[in-house]
């Protein structure tokens, strides 16, 4: 995992049985993954701020997560 402001690069992902990977970094709104993959939240007991959960396509071993604007200007 390589993290920088607004961007994280994940390598050598090993998905769980359900195909998802939980990153021990707190989630923020508007995260997007490249290659495209669903990104959502994973709550842990005792932590009010959720972690990042990504569900990459089968065989994908790396992803870049970036913060995208919550809206796009016309």
Protein backbone atom coordinates (compact mmCIF):
# COMPACT_ATOMS: atom_id res chain seq x y z
CA UNK A 1 0.00 0.00 0.00
CA UNK A 2 1.31 3.39 -0.99
CA UNK A 3 -0.66 6.39 0.30
CA UNK A 4 -0.48 10.06 -0.65
CA UNK A 5 -2.97 12.91 -0.17
CA UNK A 6 -6.09 12.05 -2.17
CA UNK A 7 -4.61 8.87 -3.64
CA UNK A 8 -3.70 5.33 -2.57
CA UNK A 9 -2.14 2.52 -4.58
CA UNK A 10 -2.84 -1.05 -3.50
CA UNK A 11 -0.73 -3.94 -4.78
CA UNK A 12 -0.88 -7.70 -4.26
CA UNK A 13 -4.51 -7.69 -3.13
CA UNK A 14 -5.78 -11.00 -1.78
CA UNK A 15 -9.59 -10.92 -1.81
CA UNK A 16 -11.59 -12.63 0.94
CA UNK A 17 -14.02 -15.46 0.18
CA UNK A 18 -16.68 -12.93 -0.87
CA UNK A 19 -14.24 -11.32 -3.33
CA UNK A 20 -13.71 -8.15 -1.32
CA UNK A 21 -10.60 -6.57 0.18
CA UNK A 22 -10.83 -4.43 3.33
CA UNK A 23 -8.14 -1.79 3.66
CA UNK A 24 -7.26 -0.60 7.15
CA UNK A 25 -7.58 3.00 6.07
CA UNK A 26 -10.63 5.06 6.95
CA UNK A 27 -13.15 5.55 4.18
CA UNK A 28 -14.17 8.95 2.87
CA UNK A 29 -16.99 9.85 0.49
CA UNK A 30 -16.28 9.96 -3.24
CA UNK A 31 -13.51 7.32 -3.44
CA UNK A 32 -13.18 5.75 -6.87
CA UNK A 33 -11.05 2.80 -7.96
CA UNK A 34 -9.03 2.20 -11.14
CA UNK A 35 -9.50 -0.27 -12.63
CA UNK A 36 -13.18 0.34 -11.92
CA UNK A 37 -14.46 -1.63 -8.94
CA UNK A 38 -17.13 -1.08 -6.29
CA UNK A 39 -15.80 0.86 -3.29
CA UNK A 40 -17.85 1.03 -0.11
CA UNK A 41 -17.55 1.02 3.68
CA UNK A 42 -16.76 -1.71 6.20
CA UNK A 43 -17.61 -0.93 9.81
CA UNK A 44 -15.51 -2.43 12.60
CA UNK A 45 -16.83 -2.84 16.12
CA UNK A 46 -15.83 0.07 18.30
CA UNK A 47 -14.72 2.32 15.43
CA UNK A 48 -17.25 4.96 14.35
CA UNK A 49 -15.38 5.66 11.11
CA UNK A 50 -15.62 2.87 8.51
CA UNK A 51 -12.72 1.29 6.65
CA UNK A 52 -12.44 1.05 2.86
CA UNK A 53 -13.81 -2.07 1.17
CA UNK A 54 -13.11 -2.70 -2.51
CA UNK A 55 -14.47 -5.57 -4.59
CA UNK A 56 -12.17 -5.97 -7.62
CA UNK A 57 -12.90 -8.20 -10.58
CA UNK A 58 -11.51 -11.73 -10.32
CA UNK A 59 -7.78 -11.82 -11.01
CA UNK A 60 -7.19 -8.10 -10.39
CA UNK A 61 -4.27 -7.79 -7.95
CA UNK A 62 -3.87 -4.01 -7.75
CA UNK A 63 -5.90 -0.80 -7.77
CA UNK A 64 -5.52 2.93 -7.43
CA UNK A 65 -8.01 4.71 -5.19
CA UNK A 66 -8.54 8.42 -5.72
CA UNK A 67 -10.87 11.01 -4.29
CA UNK A 68 -13.17 12.30 -6.98
CA UNK A 69 -15.33 15.40 -6.75
CA UNK A 70 -18.80 14.51 -5.48
CA UNK A 71 -20.26 16.28 -8.48
CA UNK A 72 -19.17 17.28 -11.96
CA UNK A 73 -19.54 20.78 -13.35
CA UNK A 74 -21.48 20.99 -16.63
